[in-house]
Amino acid sequence: MPDFAVLAVFIPTFFFVSITPGMCMTLAMTLGMTVGVKRTMWMMLGELVGVALVAIAAVLGVASVMLNYPDIFNILKWLGGAYLAYVGINMWQAKGKMAIVEGKTVDTHRLSLVSQGFITAVSNPKGWAFMISLLPPFISVDKSLTPQLATLLTIIMFTEFISMMIYASGGKSLRLFLSKGDNVRLLNRIAGCLMIGVGAWLAFG
């Protein structure tokens, strides 16, 4: 397990980075706006698994393989970005399962939400860069790797979850505010624009 002094630096550092607006946080806010916080937690599950995978890969050095073969990484980014953009366009047009329609209960497949979170996390180049640059300095070569990595991963996943819950709750609050009047179309368009933006960010970021 890392020293207390290491944790005292790591926890606020990672929380600050995690709470900063990014692709995953924007996605959480958008889904909180359209499918609600409870349903968005399935996306969070996929995102947390993806973040954990990236963190482990960064520590174990697998990230160097991704850097040496950027074409594979880029294909994954573009496919994920295109899918999110497609979802965003449907939301703008008040079509698809995530669009908000008066009198209709929004529902989506859990697997779809999980995969959105996972792909967004794994395909995020800034996430890879951050994990590669941040995590290794907090790992001591004089101690066993497993307990150190387990402790840091627990902190990372807890911090990510709290941050996404904050953004998803904000999205839900925005929906409640806009739904008071005849603003359902505006709400769909805001959510659609955000989703398209996340897709573009993922594909070209």
N, C-alpha and C. Protein backbone atom coordinates (compact mmCIF):
# COMPACT_ATOMS: atom_id res chain seq x y z
N MET A 1 0.85 -1.21 0.00
CA MET A 1 0.00 0.00 0.00
C MET A 1 0.88 1.25 0.00
N PRO A 2 0.52 2.28 -0.79
CA PRO A 2 1.32 3.52 -0.81
C PRO A 2 1.36 4.20 0.55
N ASP A 3 2.40 4.99 0.79
CA ASP A 3 2.53 5.73 2.03
C ASP A 3 1.42 6.77 2.14
N PHE A 4 1.14 7.20 3.36
CA PHE A 4 0.11 8.21 3.59
C PHE A 4 0.43 9.50 2.85
N ALA A 5 1.72 9.86 2.84
CA ALA A 5 2.13 11.09 2.16
C ALA A 5 1.83 11.02 0.66
N VAL A 6 2.03 9.83 0.08
CA VAL A 6 1.74 9.64 -1.34
C VAL A 6 0.24 9.78 -1.60
N LEU A 7 -0.56 9.15 -0.74
CA LEU A 7 -2.01 9.23 -0.90
C LEU A 7 -2.53 10.65 -0.70
N ALA A 8 -1.91 11.38 0.21
CA ALA A 8 -2.31 12.76 0.49
C ALA A 8 -2.13 13.65 -0.73
N VAL A 9 -1.20 13.30 -1.58
CA VAL A 9 -0.98 14.05 -2.82
C VAL A 9 -1.84 13.49 -3.95
N PHE A 10 -1.93 12.17 -4.02
CA PHE A 10 -2.63 11.51 -5.13
C PHE A 10 -4.13 11.79 -5.13
N ILE A 11 -4.77 11.72 -3.95
CA ILE A 11 -6.23 11.86 -3.88
C ILE A 11 -6.72 13.22 -4.39
N PRO A 12 -6.21 14.34 -3.87
CA PRO A 12 -6.70 15.63 -4.41
C PRO A 12 -6.30 15.86 -5.86
N THR A 13 -5.14 15.35 -6.24
CA THR A 13 -4.69 15.51 -7.64
C THR A 13 -5.64 14.81 -8.59
N PHE A 14 -5.97 13.56 -8.29
CA PHE A 14 -6.84 12.81 -9.19
C PHE A 14 -8.26 13.34 -9.16
N PHE A 15 -8.72 13.78 -7.98
CA PHE A 15 -10.07 14.32 -7.91
C PHE A 15 -10.21 15.57 -8.78
N PHE A 16 -9.20 16.42 -8.73
CA PHE A 16 -9.23 17.64 -9.54
C PHE A 16 -9.29 17.31 -11.03
N VAL A 17 -8.48 16.34 -11.45
CA VAL A 17 -8.47 15.94 -12.86
C VAL A 17 -9.79 15.27 -13.23
N SER A 18 -10.31 14.44 -12.33
CA SER A 18 -11.52 13.69 -12.61
C SER A 18 -12.74 14.60 -12.73
N ILE A 19 -12.86 15.59 -11.86
CA ILE A 19 -14.03 16.46 -11.85
C ILE A 19 -14.00 17.48 -12.99
N THR A 20 -12.84 17.65 -13.62
CA THR A 20 -12.73 18.57 -14.75
C THR A 20 -13.54 18.04 -15.93
N PRO A 21 -14.32 18.90 -16.61
CA PRO A 21 -15.13 18.44 -17.74
C PRO A 21 -14.30 17.71 -18.79
N GLY A 22 -14.79 16.58 -19.20
CA GLY A 22 -14.14 15.79 -20.23
C GLY A 22 -15.17 14.95 -20.94
N MET A 23 -14.73 14.01 -21.77
CA MET A 23 -15.67 13.21 -22.54
C MET A 23 -16.59 12.39 -21.65
N CYS A 24 -16.03 11.69 -20.67
CA CYS A 24 -16.84 10.83 -19.82
C CYS A 24 -17.81 11.63 -18.97
N MET A 25 -17.36 12.78 -18.48
CA MET A 25 -18.24 13.60 -17.65
C MET A 25 -19.37 14.22 -18.49
N THR A 26 -19.04 14.63 -19.71
CA THR A 26 -20.07 15.17 -20.61
C THR A 26 -21.09 14.10 -20.97
N LEU A 27 -20.60 12.88 -21.21
CA LEU A 27 -21.49 11.76 -21.51
C LEU A 27 -22.40 11.47 -20.32
N ALA A 28 -21.86 11.51 -19.11
CA ALA A 28 -22.67 11.27 -17.92
C ALA A 28 -23.75 12.33 -17.77
N MET A 29 -23.41 13.59 -18.03
CA MET A 29 -24.39 14.66 -17.94
C MET A 29 -25.48 14.50 -19.00
N THR A 30 -25.08 14.14 -20.20
CA THR A 30 -26.04 13.96 -21.29
C THR A 30 -27.01 12.84 -20.99
N LEU A 31 -26.49 11.70 -20.54
CA LEU A 31 -27.35 10.57 -20.23
C LEU A 31 -28.21 10.85 -19.00
N GLY A 32 -27.66 11.58 -18.02
CA GLY A 32 -28.46 11.97 -16.87
C GLY A 32 -29.64 12.81 -17.29
N MET A 33 -29.43 13.60 -18.33
CA MET A 33 -30.48 14.47 -18.86
C MET A 33 -31.55 13.66 -19.60
N THR A 34 -31.14 12.59 -20.28
CA THR A 34 -32.07 11.88 -21.15
C THR A 34 -32.64 10.59 -20.55
N VAL A 35 -31.82 9.82 -19.86
CA VAL A 35 -32.31 8.54 -19.34
C VAL A 35 -32.38 8.49 -17.82
N GLY A 36 -31.90 9.55 -17.16
CA GLY A 36 -31.95 9.59 -15.70
C GLY A 36 -30.69 9.05 -15.06
N VAL A 37 -30.49 9.43 -13.81
CA VAL A 37 -29.26 9.05 -13.10
C VAL A 37 -29.17 7.54 -12.90
N LYS A 38 -30.27 6.91 -12.51
CA LYS A 38 -30.25 5.48 -12.23
C LYS A 38 -29.83 4.67 -13.45
N ARG A 39 -30.38 5.03 -14.61
CA ARG A 39 -30.04 4.31 -15.84
C ARG A 39 -28.62 4.63 -16.28
N THR A 40 -28.18 5.85 -16.03
CA THR A 40 -26.83 6.27 -16.42
C THR A 40 -25.76 5.48 -15.69
N MET A 41 -26.11 4.91 -14.55
CA MET A 41 -25.14 4.14 -13.78
C MET A 41 -24.63 2.92 -14.55
N TRP A 42 -25.40 2.45 -15.52
CA TRP A 42 -24.90 1.35 -16.36
C TRP A 42 -23.76 1.84 -17.25
N MET A 43 -23.88 3.06 -17.76
CA MET A 43 -22.77 3.65 -18.51
C MET A 43 -21.56 3.83 -17.60
N MET A 44 -21.82 4.27 -16.37
CA MET A 44 -20.73 4.46 -15.42
C MET A 44 -19.98 3.16 -15.16
N LEU A 45 -20.72 2.05 -15.10
CA LEU A 45 -20.09 0.74 -14.90
C LEU A 45 -19.09 0.46 -16.01
N GLY A 46 -19.51 0.68 -17.25
CA GLY A 46 -18.60 0.46 -18.38
C GLY A 46 -17.42 1.40 -18.35
N GLU A 47 -17.68 2.66 -17.97
CA GLU A 47 -16.60 3.65 -17.91
C GLU A 47 -15.58 3.28 -16.85
N LEU A 48 -16.05 2.83 -15.70
CA LEU A 48 -15.14 2.47 -14.61
C LEU A 48 -14.28 1.27 -14.97
N VAL A 49 -14.88 0.30 -15.65
CA VAL A 49 -14.10 -0.86 -16.11
C VAL A 49 -13.04 -0.41 -17.11
N GLY A 50 -13.43 0.50 -18.02
CA GLY A 50 -12.49 1.01 -19.01
C GLY A 50 -11.35 1.79 -18.37
N VAL A 51 -11.68 2.64 -17.40
CA VAL A 51 -10.66 3.43 -16.70
C VAL A 51 -9.70 2.52 -15.94
N ALA A 52 -10.25 1.49 -15.29
CA ALA A 52 -9.41 0.54 -14.56
C ALA A 52 -8.46 -0.18 -15.51
N LEU A 53 -8.98 -0.56 -16.68
CA LEU A 53 -8.15 -1.25 -17.67
C LEU A 53 -7.02 -0.35 -18.16
N VAL A 54 -7.34 0.91 -18.43
CA VAL A 54 -6.32 1.87 -18.88
C VAL A 54 -5.27 2.08 -17.79
N ALA A 55 -5.71 2.20 -16.54
CA ALA A 55 -4.78 2.42 -15.44
C ALA A 55 -3.83 1.24 -15.26
N ILE A 56 -4.38 0.03 -15.32
CA ILE A 56 -3.55 -1.17 -15.17
C ILE A 56 -2.56 -1.28 -16.32
N ALA A 57 -3.05 -1.00 -17.54
CA ALA A 57 -2.18 -1.06 -18.72
C ALA A 57 -1.06 -0.04 -18.63
N ALA A 58 -1.38 1.15 -18.11
CA ALA A 58 -0.37 2.20 -17.99
C ALA A 58 0.73 1.78 -17.03
N VAL A 59 0.34 1.17 -15.91
CA VAL A 59 1.32 0.76 -14.91
C VAL A 59 2.16 -0.42 -15.41
N LEU A 60 1.54 -1.34 -16.12
CA LEU A 60 2.24 -2.54 -16.57
C LEU A 60 3.01 -2.33 -17.87
N GLY A 61 2.83 -1.17 -18.48
CA GLY A 61 3.59 -0.86 -19.69
C GLY A 61 2.92 -1.26 -20.98
N VAL A 62 1.68 -1.77 -20.91
CA VAL A 62 0.98 -2.17 -22.13
C VAL A 62 0.66 -0.95 -22.99
N ALA A 63 0.58 0.21 -22.33
CA ALA A 63 0.25 1.44 -23.07
C ALA A 63 1.26 1.71 -24.17
N SER A 64 2.50 1.27 -23.99
CA SER A 64 3.53 1.50 -25.01
C SER A 64 3.17 0.79 -26.31
N VAL A 65 2.47 -0.35 -26.20
CA VAL A 65 2.04 -1.07 -27.40
C VAL A 65 1.03 -0.24 -28.18
N MET A 66 0.10 0.40 -27.44
CA MET A 66 -0.90 1.25 -28.09
C MET A 66 -0.24 2.43 -28.78
N LEU A 67 0.81 2.97 -28.16
CA LEU A 67 1.50 4.10 -28.75
C LEU A 67 2.28 3.70 -29.99
N ASN A 68 2.75 2.45 -30.01
CA ASN A 68 3.52 1.97 -31.16
C ASN A 68 2.63 1.54 -32.32
N TYR A 69 1.36 1.28 -32.04
CA TYR A 69 0.42 0.89 -33.09
C TYR A 69 -0.79 1.81 -33.05
N PRO A 70 -0.59 3.07 -33.40
CA PRO A 70 -1.67 4.06 -33.28
C PRO A 70 -2.84 3.82 -34.22
N ASP A 71 -2.64 3.09 -35.32
CA ASP A 71 -3.73 2.86 -36.27
C ASP A 71 -4.88 2.10 -35.62
N ILE A 72 -4.54 1.09 -34.82
CA ILE A 72 -5.58 0.32 -34.14
C ILE A 72 -6.34 1.23 -33.17
N PHE A 73 -5.61 2.04 -32.46
CA PHE A 73 -6.20 2.97 -31.50
C PHE A 73 -7.11 3.96 -32.21
N ASN A 74 -6.65 4.49 -33.36
CA ASN A 74 -7.44 5.46 -34.11
C ASN A 74 -8.74 4.86 -34.65
N ILE A 75 -8.67 3.62 -35.12
CA ILE A 75 -9.88 2.96 -35.63
C ILE A 75 -10.92 2.84 -34.52
N LEU A 76 -10.48 2.45 -33.34
CA LEU A 76 -11.39 2.34 -32.20
C LEU A 76 -11.98 3.69 -31.84
N LYS A 77 -11.16 4.74 -31.88
CA LYS A 77 -11.64 6.09 -31.60
C LYS A 77 -12.71 6.52 -32.59
N TRP A 78 -12.44 6.30 -33.87
CA TRP A 78 -13.37 6.76 -34.92
C TRP A 78 -14.69 6.00 -34.87
N LEU A 79 -14.62 4.69 -34.64
CA LEU A 79 -15.85 3.90 -34.55
C LEU A 79 -16.69 4.35 -33.36
N GLY A 80 -16.05 4.54 -32.22
CA GLY A 80 -16.77 5.01 -31.04
C GLY A 80 -17.34 6.39 -31.25
N GLY A 81 -16.56 7.28 -31.85
CA GLY A 81 -17.03 8.64 -32.12
C GLY A 81 -18.20 8.67 -33.08
N ALA A 82 -18.12 7.84 -34.12
CA ALA A 82 -19.20 7.78 -35.12
C ALA A 82 -20.50 7.29 -34.48
N TYR A 83 -20.39 6.31 -33.61
CA TYR A 83 -21.59 5.78 -32.96
C TYR A 83 -22.24 6.83 -32.07
N LEU A 84 -21.43 7.52 -31.27
CA LEU A 84 -21.98 8.55 -30.39
C LEU A 84 -22.59 9.70 -31.19
N ALA A 85 -21.96 10.05 -32.31
CA ALA A 85 -22.51 11.10 -33.17
C ALA A 85 -23.85 10.67 -33.75
N TYR A 86 -23.95 9.40 -34.13
CA TYR A 86 -25.21 8.85 -34.67
C TYR A 86 -26.32 8.94 -33.62
N VAL A 87 -25.98 8.58 -32.39
CA VAL A 87 -26.95 8.68 -31.29
C VAL A 87 -27.36 10.13 -31.08
N GLY A 88 -26.39 11.04 -31.14
CA GLY A 88 -26.66 12.46 -30.95
C GLY A 88 -27.58 13.03 -32.02
N ILE A 89 -27.37 12.63 -33.27
CA ILE A 89 -28.23 13.09 -34.37
C ILE A 89 -29.66 12.62 -34.17
N ASN A 90 -29.81 11.37 -33.75
CA ASN A 90 -31.15 10.85 -33.48
C ASN A 90 -31.83 11.61 -32.35
N MET A 91 -31.04 11.95 -31.32
CA MET A 91 -31.60 12.71 -30.20
C MET A 91 -32.04 14.10 -30.65
N TRP A 92 -31.23 14.74 -31.50
CA TRP A 92 -31.58 16.06 -32.05
C TRP A 92 -32.92 15.99 -32.79
N GLN A 93 -33.14 14.89 -33.52
CA GLN A 93 -34.35 14.72 -34.31
C GLN A 93 -35.49 14.09 -33.51
N ALA A 94 -35.27 13.94 -32.18
CA ALA A 94 -36.28 13.32 -31.31
C ALA A 94 -36.60 11.90 -31.77
N LYS A 95 -35.56 11.18 -32.22
CA LYS A 95 -35.70 9.79 -32.62
C LYS A 95 -34.78 8.93 -31.75
N GLY A 96 -34.96 7.64 -31.86
CA GLY A 96 -34.09 6.74 -31.12
C GLY A 96 -34.55 6.54 -29.69
N LYS A 97 -33.92 5.59 -29.02
CA LYS A 97 -34.36 5.20 -27.68
C LYS A 97 -34.03 6.25 -26.62
N MET A 98 -33.01 7.09 -26.87
CA MET A 98 -32.61 8.04 -25.85
C MET A 98 -33.30 9.39 -25.97
N ALA A 99 -34.00 9.61 -27.04
CA ALA A 99 -34.70 10.88 -27.21
C ALA A 99 -35.83 11.00 -26.20
N ILE A 100 -36.10 12.23 -25.78
CA ILE A 100 -37.15 12.49 -24.80
C ILE A 100 -38.44 12.82 -25.56
N VAL A 101 -39.46 12.02 -25.33
CA VAL A 101 -40.75 12.23 -25.97
C VAL A 101 -41.79 12.31 -24.88
N GLU A 102 -42.63 13.33 -24.94
CA GLU A 102 -43.65 13.52 -23.90
C GLU A 102 -44.57 12.30 -23.83
N GLY A 103 -44.81 11.82 -22.62
CA GLY A 103 -45.67 10.68 -22.43
C GLY A 103 -45.00 9.35 -22.67
N LYS A 104 -43.70 9.37 -22.96
CA LYS A 104 -42.98 8.13 -23.25
C LYS A 104 -41.90 7.91 -22.21
N THR A 105 -41.82 6.70 -21.68
CA THR A 105 -40.77 6.35 -20.74
C THR A 105 -39.53 5.95 -21.51
N VAL A 106 -38.44 6.65 -21.29
CA VAL A 106 -37.20 6.38 -22.00
C VAL A 106 -36.56 5.12 -21.45
N ASP A 107 -36.17 4.23 -22.33
CA ASP A 107 -35.50 3.01 -21.91
C ASP A 107 -34.41 2.67 -22.92
N THR A 108 -33.33 2.12 -22.45
CA THR A 108 -32.25 1.69 -23.32
C THR A 108 -31.70 0.39 -22.77
N HIS A 109 -31.07 -0.37 -23.67
CA HIS A 109 -30.47 -1.63 -23.26
C HIS A 109 -29.27 -1.36 -22.35
N ARG A 110 -29.16 -2.13 -21.30
CA ARG A 110 -28.05 -1.96 -20.37
C ARG A 110 -26.71 -2.17 -21.06
N LEU A 111 -26.64 -3.19 -21.91
CA LEU A 111 -25.39 -3.51 -22.59
C LEU A 111 -24.92 -2.35 -23.46
N SER A 112 -25.88 -1.66 -24.10
CA SER A 112 -25.54 -0.51 -24.93
C SER A 112 -24.93 0.61 -24.10
N LEU A 113 -25.52 0.86 -22.94
CA LEU A 113 -25.00 1.91 -22.06
C LEU A 113 -23.63 1.54 -21.51
N VAL A 114 -23.47 0.27 -21.12
CA VAL A 114 -22.17 -0.19 -20.61
C VAL A 114 -21.10 -0.04 -21.68
N SER A 115 -21.43 -0.43 -22.91
CA SER A 115 -20.45 -0.36 -24.00
C SER A 115 -20.09 1.08 -24.34
N GLN A 116 -21.06 2.01 -24.26
CA GLN A 116 -20.76 3.42 -24.49
C GLN A 116 -19.73 3.94 -23.50
N GLY A 117 -19.94 3.62 -22.23
CA GLY A 117 -19.00 4.06 -21.20
C GLY A 117 -17.63 3.44 -21.38
N PHE A 118 -17.60 2.15 -21.68
CA PHE A 118 -16.33 1.44 -21.83
C PHE A 118 -15.53 1.97 -23.01
N ILE A 119 -16.19 2.10 -24.16
CA ILE A 119 -15.49 2.56 -25.37
C ILE A 119 -14.99 3.98 -25.19
N THR A 120 -15.81 4.83 -24.58
CA THR A 120 -15.40 6.22 -24.36
C THR A 120 -14.17 6.29 -23.46
N ALA A 121 -14.13 5.47 -22.41
CA ALA A 121 -12.99 5.48 -21.49
C ALA A 121 -11.73 4.93 -22.13
N VAL A 122 -11.86 3.79 -22.82
CA VAL A 122 -10.69 3.13 -23.40
C VAL A 122 -10.15 3.90 -24.60
N SER A 123 -11.04 4.59 -25.32
CA SER A 123 -10.62 5.29 -26.54
C SER A 123 -10.21 6.74 -26.29
N ASN A 124 -10.22 7.16 -25.05
CA ASN A 124 -9.89 8.54 -24.71
C ASN A 124 -8.37 8.73 -24.65
N PRO A 125 -7.76 9.38 -25.65
CA PRO A 125 -6.30 9.55 -25.66
C PRO A 125 -5.80 10.35 -24.47
N LYS A 126 -6.61 11.31 -24.01
CA LYS A 126 -6.18 12.11 -22.85
C LYS A 126 -6.16 11.24 -21.58
N GLY A 127 -7.07 10.30 -21.53
CA GLY A 127 -7.07 9.39 -20.39
C GLY A 127 -5.81 8.54 -20.35
N TRP A 128 -5.40 8.05 -21.52
CA TRP A 128 -4.16 7.27 -21.61
C TRP A 128 -2.97 8.13 -21.21
N ALA A 129 -2.91 9.32 -21.78
CA ALA A 129 -1.78 10.21 -21.48
C ALA A 129 -1.71 10.54 -20.01
N PHE A 130 -2.87 10.76 -19.42
CA PHE A 130 -2.91 11.11 -18.00
C PHE A 130 -2.44 9.94 -17.14
N MET A 131 -2.94 8.74 -17.43
CA MET A 131 -2.56 7.57 -16.63
C MET A 131 -1.08 7.25 -16.78
N ILE A 132 -0.57 7.40 -18.00
CA ILE A 132 0.85 7.12 -18.24
C ILE A 132 1.74 8.09 -17.48
N SER A 133 1.32 9.35 -17.44
CA SER A 133 2.16 10.37 -16.80
C SER A 133 1.95 10.43 -15.29
N LEU A 134 0.73 10.12 -14.82
CA LEU A 134 0.43 10.31 -13.40
C LEU A 134 0.73 9.08 -12.54
N LEU A 135 0.26 7.92 -12.98
CA LEU A 135 0.34 6.75 -12.11
C LEU A 135 1.75 6.25 -11.78
N PRO A 136 2.61 6.06 -12.78
CA PRO A 136 3.94 5.49 -12.47
C PRO A 136 4.70 6.22 -11.36
N PRO A 137 4.70 7.56 -11.29
CA PRO A 137 5.44 8.22 -10.21
C PRO A 137 4.93 7.88 -8.81
N PHE A 138 3.68 7.43 -8.70
CA PHE A 138 3.12 7.09 -7.39
C PHE A 138 3.36 5.63 -7.02
N ILE A 139 3.97 4.88 -7.92
CA ILE A 139 4.29 3.48 -7.65
C ILE A 139 5.73 3.37 -7.18
N SER A 140 5.92 2.78 -6.01
CA SER A 140 7.26 2.60 -5.46
C SER A 140 7.83 1.25 -5.89
N VAL A 141 9.05 1.25 -6.44
CA VAL A 141 9.68 0.01 -6.90
C VAL A 141 10.17 -0.82 -5.71
N ASP A 142 10.22 -0.23 -4.53
CA ASP A 142 10.71 -0.94 -3.36
C ASP A 142 9.61 -1.73 -2.65
N LYS A 143 8.38 -1.60 -3.11
CA LYS A 143 7.26 -2.29 -2.48
C LYS A 143 6.54 -3.16 -3.51
N SER A 144 5.73 -4.08 -3.01
CA SER A 144 4.97 -4.96 -3.87
C SER A 144 4.00 -4.15 -4.74
N LEU A 145 3.92 -4.49 -6.01
CA LEU A 145 3.11 -3.73 -6.95
C LEU A 145 1.61 -3.91 -6.71
N THR A 146 1.19 -5.14 -6.44
CA THR A 146 -0.24 -5.45 -6.35
C THR A 146 -1.00 -4.61 -5.34
N PRO A 147 -0.58 -4.55 -4.07
CA PRO A 147 -1.35 -3.72 -3.11
C PRO A 147 -1.32 -2.23 -3.44
N GLN A 148 -0.22 -1.75 -3.99
CA GLN A 148 -0.16 -0.33 -4.38
C GLN A 148 -1.16 -0.04 -5.49
N LEU A 149 -1.14 -0.89 -6.52
CA LEU A 149 -2.04 -0.69 -7.65
C LEU A 149 -3.50 -0.83 -7.23
N ALA A 150 -3.77 -1.81 -6.35
CA ALA A 150 -5.14 -2.02 -5.88
C ALA A 150 -5.65 -0.79 -5.12
N THR A 151 -4.80 -0.21 -4.30
CA THR A 151 -5.20 0.98 -3.53
C THR A 151 -5.47 2.17 -4.44
N LEU A 152 -4.55 2.42 -5.38
CA LEU A 152 -4.71 3.55 -6.30
C LEU A 152 -5.93 3.36 -7.20
N LEU A 153 -6.16 2.11 -7.65
CA LEU A 153 -7.33 1.84 -8.49
C LEU A 153 -8.63 2.08 -7.73
N THR A 154 -8.66 1.70 -6.48
CA THR A 154 -9.85 1.94 -5.66
C THR A 154 -10.14 3.43 -5.55
N ILE A 155 -9.11 4.21 -5.33
CA ILE A 155 -9.28 5.67 -5.24
C ILE A 155 -9.75 6.24 -6.57
N ILE A 156 -9.13 5.78 -7.66
CA ILE A 156 -9.48 6.27 -9.00
C ILE A 156 -10.95 5.98 -9.31
N MET A 157 -11.38 4.75 -9.10
CA MET A 157 -12.74 4.36 -9.46
C MET A 157 -13.78 5.06 -8.57
N PHE A 158 -13.47 5.22 -7.29
CA PHE A 158 -14.39 5.92 -6.38
C PHE A 158 -14.52 7.39 -6.80
N THR A 159 -13.39 8.00 -7.12
CA THR A 159 -13.39 9.42 -7.52
C THR A 159 -14.13 9.61 -8.84
N GLU A 160 -13.89 8.72 -9.79
CA GLU A 160 -14.59 8.80 -11.07
C GLU A 160 -16.10 8.64 -10.89
N PHE A 161 -16.49 7.70 -10.05
CA PHE A 161 -17.91 7.46 -9.83
C PHE A 161 -18.59 8.69 -9.22
N ILE A 162 -17.96 9.26 -8.20
CA ILE A 162 -18.53 10.46 -7.56
C ILE A 162 -18.65 11.60 -8.57
N SER A 163 -17.61 11.80 -9.39
CA SER A 163 -17.62 12.88 -10.38
C SER A 163 -18.72 12.68 -11.40
N MET A 164 -18.88 11.44 -11.90
CA MET A 164 -19.93 11.17 -12.88
C MET A 164 -21.32 11.32 -12.27
N MET A 165 -21.47 10.97 -11.01
CA MET A 165 -22.76 11.15 -10.35
C MET A 165 -23.12 12.63 -10.25
N ILE A 166 -22.12 13.45 -9.98
CA ILE A 166 -22.35 14.90 -9.91
C ILE A 166 -22.82 15.42 -11.27
N TYR A 167 -22.15 15.00 -12.34
CA TYR A 167 -22.52 15.46 -13.68
C TYR A 167 -23.87 14.91 -14.11
N ALA A 168 -24.13 13.62 -13.82
CA ALA A 168 -25.42 13.02 -14.19
C ALA A 168 -26.57 13.69 -13.43
N SER A 169 -26.35 13.99 -12.16
CA SER A 169 -27.38 14.68 -11.37
C SER A 169 -27.63 16.08 -11.91
N GLY A 170 -26.56 16.74 -12.36
CA GLY A 170 -26.71 18.06 -12.98
C GLY A 170 -27.53 17.98 -14.25
N GLY A 171 -27.30 16.93 -15.05
CA GLY A 171 -28.08 16.73 -16.27
C GLY A 171 -29.55 16.48 -15.97
N LYS A 172 -29.82 15.69 -14.92
CA LYS A 172 -31.21 15.42 -14.54
C LYS A 172 -31.89 16.71 -14.09
N SER A 173 -31.17 17.52 -13.32
CA SER A 173 -31.74 18.79 -12.85
C SER A 173 -32.06 19.71 -14.01
N LEU A 174 -31.17 19.71 -15.02
CA LEU A 174 -31.41 20.53 -16.22
C LEU A 174 -32.65 20.05 -16.95
N ARG A 175 -32.83 18.74 -17.01
CA ARG A 175 -34.03 18.21 -17.66
C ARG A 175 -35.30 18.65 -16.92
N LEU A 176 -35.27 18.56 -15.60
CA LEU A 176 -36.45 18.96 -14.82
C LEU A 176 -36.77 20.43 -15.01
N PHE A 177 -35.72 21.24 -15.13
CA PHE A 177 -35.90 22.69 -15.31
C PHE A 177 -36.49 22.99 -16.69
N LEU A 178 -35.95 22.35 -17.73
CA LEU A 178 -36.41 22.64 -19.08
C LEU A 178 -37.75 22.00 -19.40
N SER A 179 -38.08 20.91 -18.69
CA SER A 179 -39.32 20.21 -18.99
C SER A 179 -40.55 20.90 -18.41
N LYS A 180 -40.36 21.96 -17.65
CA LYS A 180 -41.49 22.65 -17.03
C LYS A 180 -42.33 23.39 -18.06
N GLY A 181 -41.71 23.79 -19.14
CA GLY A 181 -42.46 24.46 -20.20
C GLY A 181 -42.45 23.62 -21.46
N ASP A 182 -42.72 24.25 -22.57
CA ASP A 182 -42.71 23.53 -23.84
C ASP A 182 -41.28 23.51 -24.38
N ASN A 183 -40.41 22.82 -23.65
CA ASN A 183 -38.99 22.85 -24.00
C ASN A 183 -38.42 21.48 -24.29
N VAL A 184 -39.29 20.50 -24.55
CA VAL A 184 -38.80 19.15 -24.79
C VAL A 184 -37.92 19.11 -26.04
N ARG A 185 -38.32 19.84 -27.09
CA ARG A 185 -37.50 19.87 -28.30
C ARG A 185 -36.14 20.48 -28.02
N LEU A 186 -36.12 21.56 -27.24
CA LEU A 186 -34.85 22.20 -26.89
C LEU A 186 -33.98 21.23 -26.09
N LEU A 187 -34.60 20.48 -25.17
CA LEU A 187 -33.86 19.53 -24.35
C LEU A 187 -33.24 18.44 -25.22
N ASN A 188 -34.00 17.93 -26.17
CA ASN A 188 -33.46 16.93 -27.09
C ASN A 188 -32.29 17.48 -27.90
N ARG A 189 -32.41 18.73 -28.31
CA ARG A 189 -31.35 19.32 -29.13
C ARG A 189 -30.09 19.60 -28.31
N ILE A 190 -30.28 20.03 -27.06
CA ILE A 190 -29.11 20.24 -26.20
C ILE A 190 -28.39 18.91 -25.97
N ALA A 191 -29.18 17.88 -25.62
CA ALA A 191 -28.59 16.56 -25.38
C ALA A 191 -27.94 16.02 -26.65
N GLY A 192 -28.60 16.23 -27.80
CA GLY A 192 -28.04 15.76 -29.08
C GLY A 192 -26.73 16.44 -29.40
N CYS A 193 -26.68 17.76 -29.19
CA CYS A 193 -25.44 18.50 -29.45
C CYS A 193 -24.31 18.03 -28.55
N LEU A 194 -24.63 17.80 -27.27
CA LEU A 194 -23.61 17.32 -26.34
C LEU A 194 -23.09 15.95 -26.77
N MET A 195 -24.00 15.06 -27.19
CA MET A 195 -23.60 13.73 -27.60
C MET A 195 -22.76 13.78 -28.88
N ILE A 196 -23.16 14.62 -29.84
CA ILE A 196 -22.37 14.79 -31.06
C ILE A 196 -21.00 15.35 -30.72
N GLY A 197 -20.98 16.31 -29.77
CA GLY A 197 -19.70 16.89 -29.35
C GLY A 197 -18.78 15.86 -28.73
N VAL A 198 -19.34 14.97 -27.91
CA VAL A 198 -18.53 13.91 -27.32
C VAL A 198 -17.98 12.98 -28.41
N GLY A 199 -18.84 12.68 -29.39
CA GLY A 199 -18.40 11.82 -30.49
C GLY A 199 -17.26 12.44 -31.28
N ALA A 200 -17.40 13.74 -31.60
CA ALA A 200 -16.34 14.44 -32.33
C ALA A 200 -15.06 14.53 -31.50
N TRP A 201 -15.24 14.78 -30.22
CA TRP A 201 -14.10 14.87 -29.29
C TRP A 201 -13.35 13.55 -29.26
N LEU A 202 -14.14 12.45 -29.23
CA LEU A 202 -13.53 11.13 -29.18
C LEU A 202 -12.80 10.81 -30.49
N ALA A 203 -13.43 11.14 -31.61
CA ALA A 203 -12.84 10.79 -32.91
C ALA A 203 -11.63 11.63 -33.28
N PHE A 204 -11.66 12.91 -32.94
CA PHE A 204 -10.60 13.81 -33.40
C PHE A 204 -9.72 14.35 -32.28
N GLY A 205 -10.03 13.99 -31.02
CA GLY A 205 -9.26 14.49 -29.89
C GLY A 205 -7.87 13.88 -29.79
